[in-house]
Amino acid sequence: MGRPFDVRKAIVSRFDEELRFFRGWIDKPKAVGSIVPTSGITARRMASIVRPERDDLVLELGPGTGVITRAILERGIRPENLVSIEYSQDFVDKLRENFPGVNIVHGDAFDLDTVLAPWKGRAFDSVVCAIPLLNFPVETRIQLVESLLDLMPPGRPIVQITYGALSPVPAGRGTYSVERYDFVMRNIPPAHLWIYRRVADA
């Protein structure tokens, strides 16, 4: 008699992440870019830019349910070296439960001085960003990228996911370069990945 309950429990567990993400999208559509979480394939591709051998800090913006967070940790980044900024309190609570040791910060990624105050003066080796930038004004997007690059050594990347065919941060508007990194069909919806970096003499 217990088997139907076990099957039901497994199904509920499997879709808990999707349901939580959808609820976040309903509550705050401007802060959540899709009605389903990023696929594991996309997450691993985004995490591929980090360098665990350096033992440096990595910054994650918009971790949501933690699919990309998990990929970054599986890449070899130590939990204490990962700083993840999340706007939704519901997501923050679940992230802290699922990823003990990771620096999960509840706050606004567009207010870096506040959310990164505990790491003031520290450099980040790379940034993994899943914020839905297309929901914000172009100038705000440019300002965020410039501010993030100020935290990083020249040449190190920001990877950004978007569901539009064009870079959400336009080229030729700042001290950064724009590079198409990948197009992942096995994502719902298909995802475009972009890299932003600042050359040493910019």
Protein backbone atom coordinates (compact mmCIF):
# COMPACT_ATOMS: atom_id res chain seq x y z
CA MET A 1 0.00 0.00 0.00
CA GLY A 2 2.93 2.27 0.53
CA ARG A 3 4.22 2.15 -3.06
CA PRO A 4 1.74 4.68 -4.61
CA PHE A 5 2.68 7.14 -1.88
CA ASP A 6 6.40 6.65 -2.63
CA VAL A 7 5.84 7.26 -6.35
CA ARG A 8 3.82 10.37 -5.62
CA LYS A 9 6.51 11.62 -3.25
CA ALA A 10 9.18 11.13 -5.90
CA ILE A 11 7.15 13.04 -8.49
CA VAL A 12 6.53 15.90 -6.07
CA SER A 13 10.23 16.03 -5.20
CA ARG A 14 11.23 16.05 -8.86
CA PHE A 15 9.05 19.02 -9.72
CA ASP A 16 9.51 20.98 -6.49
CA GLU A 17 12.25 23.09 -8.07
CA GLU A 18 10.15 23.92 -11.14
CA LEU A 19 7.12 24.80 -9.02
CA ARG A 20 9.16 27.02 -6.74
CA PHE A 21 10.66 28.79 -9.74
CA PHE A 22 7.26 29.29 -11.35
CA ARG A 23 5.91 30.75 -8.10
CA GLY A 24 8.87 33.14 -8.02
CA TRP A 25 8.10 34.20 -11.59
CA ILE A 26 4.45 34.85 -10.70
CA ASP A 27 5.38 36.89 -7.61
CA LYS A 28 8.23 38.88 -9.18
CA PRO A 29 8.22 38.54 -13.00
CA LYS A 30 10.79 41.34 -13.37
CA ALA A 31 13.29 39.50 -11.19
CA VAL A 32 12.82 36.04 -12.74
CA GLY A 33 13.53 35.68 -16.45
CA SER A 34 11.83 32.37 -17.22
CA ILE A 35 9.00 30.25 -15.85
CA VAL A 36 11.33 27.24 -15.50
CA PRO A 37 14.86 26.94 -14.07
CA THR A 38 17.96 26.92 -16.25
CA SER A 39 18.80 23.46 -17.59
CA GLY A 40 21.72 21.51 -16.13
CA ILE A 41 23.47 21.63 -19.51
CA THR A 42 23.28 25.42 -19.62
CA ALA A 43 24.33 25.69 -15.98
CA ARG A 44 27.44 23.60 -16.57
CA ARG A 45 28.33 25.65 -19.63
CA MET A 46 28.04 28.87 -17.63
CA ALA A 47 30.08 27.40 -14.78
CA SER A 48 32.86 26.42 -17.19
CA ILE A 49 34.33 29.94 -17.00
CA VAL A 50 35.32 29.63 -13.32
CA ARG A 51 38.85 28.61 -12.32
CA PRO A 52 38.84 26.38 -9.21
CA GLU A 53 42.61 25.99 -9.39
CA ARG A 54 42.96 29.69 -8.52
CA ASP A 55 41.08 29.39 -5.18
CA ASP A 56 39.65 32.88 -5.76
CA LEU A 57 36.22 34.34 -5.09
CA VAL A 58 33.45 33.77 -7.64
CA LEU A 59 30.35 35.95 -7.80
CA GLU A 60 26.96 34.56 -8.83
CA LEU A 61 24.03 36.87 -9.52
CA GLY A 62 20.48 35.53 -9.55
CA PRO A 63 21.00 31.91 -8.43
CA GLY A 64 17.24 31.25 -8.22
CA THR A 65 16.70 27.63 -7.22
CA GLY A 66 20.43 26.87 -7.36
CA VAL A 67 20.90 24.95 -10.62
CA ILE A 68 23.87 27.11 -11.61
CA THR A 69 25.11 27.29 -8.01
CA ARG A 70 25.35 23.51 -7.99
CA ALA A 71 27.22 23.49 -11.30
CA ILE A 72 29.75 26.03 -9.98
CA LEU A 73 30.39 23.90 -6.89
CA GLU A 74 30.68 20.74 -8.98
CA ARG A 75 33.26 22.57 -11.06
CA GLY A 76 35.43 22.62 -7.94
CA ILE A 77 34.84 26.02 -6.36
CA ARG A 78 34.91 25.79 -2.56
CA PRO A 79 31.59 26.87 -0.98
CA GLU A 80 33.25 29.61 1.06
CA ASN A 81 34.66 31.09 -2.17
CA LEU A 82 31.25 31.46 -3.79
CA VAL A 83 29.17 34.58 -3.16
CA SER A 84 25.60 34.30 -4.49
CA ILE A 85 23.29 37.33 -4.55
CA GLU A 86 19.56 36.56 -4.68
CA TYR A 87 16.65 39.03 -4.60
CA SER A 88 13.86 36.60 -3.61
CA GLN A 89 13.64 35.70 0.07
CA ASP A 90 11.92 32.42 -0.81
CA PHE A 91 14.83 31.40 -3.01
CA VAL A 92 17.35 32.60 -0.40
CA ASP A 93 15.83 30.36 2.28
CA LYS A 94 15.97 27.30 0.01
CA LEU A 95 19.51 28.10 -1.20
CA ARG A 96 20.80 28.37 2.37
CA GLU A 97 19.21 25.02 3.16
CA ASN A 98 20.61 23.30 0.08
CA PHE A 99 24.07 24.87 -0.06
CA PRO A 100 25.54 25.20 3.44
CA GLY A 101 28.83 27.04 3.40
CA VAL A 102 28.02 29.14 0.34
CA ASN A 103 27.72 32.87 1.00
CA ILE A 104 24.05 33.36 0.09
CA VAL A 105 23.22 37.08 0.28
CA HIS A 106 19.66 38.39 0.21
CA GLY A 107 19.77 41.66 -1.70
CA ASP A 108 19.72 43.61 -4.93
CA ALA A 109 22.54 42.86 -7.38
CA PHE A 110 22.21 46.39 -8.74
CA ASP A 111 23.33 47.68 -5.31
CA LEU A 112 26.76 46.06 -5.24
CA ASP A 113 28.22 48.36 -2.61
CA THR A 114 25.65 47.12 -0.09
CA VAL A 115 25.45 43.42 -0.93
CA LEU A 116 29.22 43.03 -1.26
CA ALA A 117 30.13 45.11 1.79
CA PRO A 118 31.58 42.06 3.65
CA TRP A 119 34.00 41.58 0.74
CA LYS A 120 34.94 45.24 0.28
CA GLY A 121 38.36 45.48 -1.35
CA ARG A 122 38.34 41.83 -2.46
CA ALA A 123 38.64 40.90 -6.14
CA PHE A 124 36.44 38.34 -7.86
CA ASP A 125 37.93 36.05 -10.48
CA SER A 126 34.72 35.67 -12.50
CA VAL A 127 31.00 36.45 -12.47
CA VAL A 128 28.15 34.10 -13.43
CA CYS A 129 24.97 36.09 -14.03
CA ALA A 130 21.41 34.83 -14.52
CA ILE A 131 19.64 38.13 -13.87
CA PRO A 132 17.04 38.80 -16.60
CA LEU A 133 18.81 41.92 -17.85
CA LEU A 134 16.33 42.52 -20.65
CA ASN A 135 13.80 43.51 -17.96
CA PHE A 136 15.92 46.56 -17.10
CA PRO A 137 16.87 49.76 -18.97
CA VAL A 138 19.92 49.54 -21.21
CA GLU A 139 21.85 52.12 -19.21
CA THR A 140 21.24 50.10 -16.03
CA ARG A 141 22.61 46.98 -17.72
CA ILE A 142 25.72 48.81 -18.91
CA GLN A 143 26.32 50.28 -15.46
CA LEU A 144 26.04 46.84 -13.85
CA VAL A 145 28.58 45.31 -16.24
CA GLU A 146 31.00 48.19 -15.71
CA SER A 147 30.63 47.88 -11.92
CA LEU A 148 31.20 44.14 -12.03
CA LEU A 149 34.30 44.50 -14.17
CA ASP A 150 35.68 46.97 -11.63
CA LEU A 151 35.71 44.04 -9.17
CA MET A 152 37.70 41.75 -11.46
CA PRO A 153 41.22 41.49 -12.89
CA PRO A 154 41.48 42.66 -16.53
CA GLY A 155 40.56 39.93 -18.97
CA ARG A 156 38.42 37.88 -16.60
CA PRO A 157 34.84 37.20 -17.75
CA ILE A 158 31.26 37.81 -16.84
CA VAL A 159 29.00 35.15 -18.37
CA GLN A 160 25.38 36.19 -18.91
CA ILE A 161 22.37 34.12 -19.93
CA THR A 162 19.61 35.63 -22.03
CA TYR A 163 16.71 34.35 -24.11
CA GLY A 164 17.03 37.00 -26.81
CA ALA A 165 19.22 36.63 -29.89
CA LEU A 166 21.15 39.84 -29.18
CA SER A 167 23.48 40.69 -26.34
CA PRO A 168 21.48 42.36 -23.55
CA VAL A 169 24.46 44.66 -22.99
CA PRO A 170 25.29 46.36 -26.30
CA ALA A 171 28.82 46.59 -27.64
CA GLY A 172 30.55 49.92 -28.07
CA ARG A 173 28.88 51.55 -25.08
CA GLY A 174 31.57 51.09 -22.44
CA THR A 175 35.01 49.73 -21.55
CA TYR A 176 34.07 46.10 -22.17
CA SER A 177 34.12 43.69 -25.06
CA VAL A 178 31.15 41.49 -26.05
CA GLU A 179 31.55 37.88 -27.15
CA ARG A 180 28.91 35.30 -28.05
CA TYR A 181 29.85 32.31 -25.90
CA ASP A 182 27.27 29.68 -26.75
CA PHE A 183 23.74 28.91 -27.86
CA VAL A 184 22.11 26.09 -25.90
CA MET A 185 19.14 24.50 -27.63
CA ARG A 186 18.56 22.07 -24.76
CA ASN A 187 17.14 24.75 -22.51
CA ILE A 188 13.55 26.01 -22.16
CA PRO A 189 13.52 28.44 -23.83
CA PRO A 190 16.78 28.02 -25.80
CA ALA A 191 19.49 30.12 -24.16
CA HIS A 192 22.11 32.48 -25.51
CA LEU A 193 25.27 32.91 -23.43
CA TRP A 194 27.39 36.06 -23.65
CA ILE A 195 30.80 37.00 -22.27
CA TYR A 196 31.81 40.50 -21.17
CA ARG A 197 35.37 41.36 -20.23
CA ARG A 198 37.70 44.33 -20.02
CA VAL A 199 41.09 44.22 -21.68
CA ALA A 200 44.13 45.32 -19.71
CA ASP A 201 44.60 48.63 -21.55
CA ALA A 202 40.88 49.66 -21.59
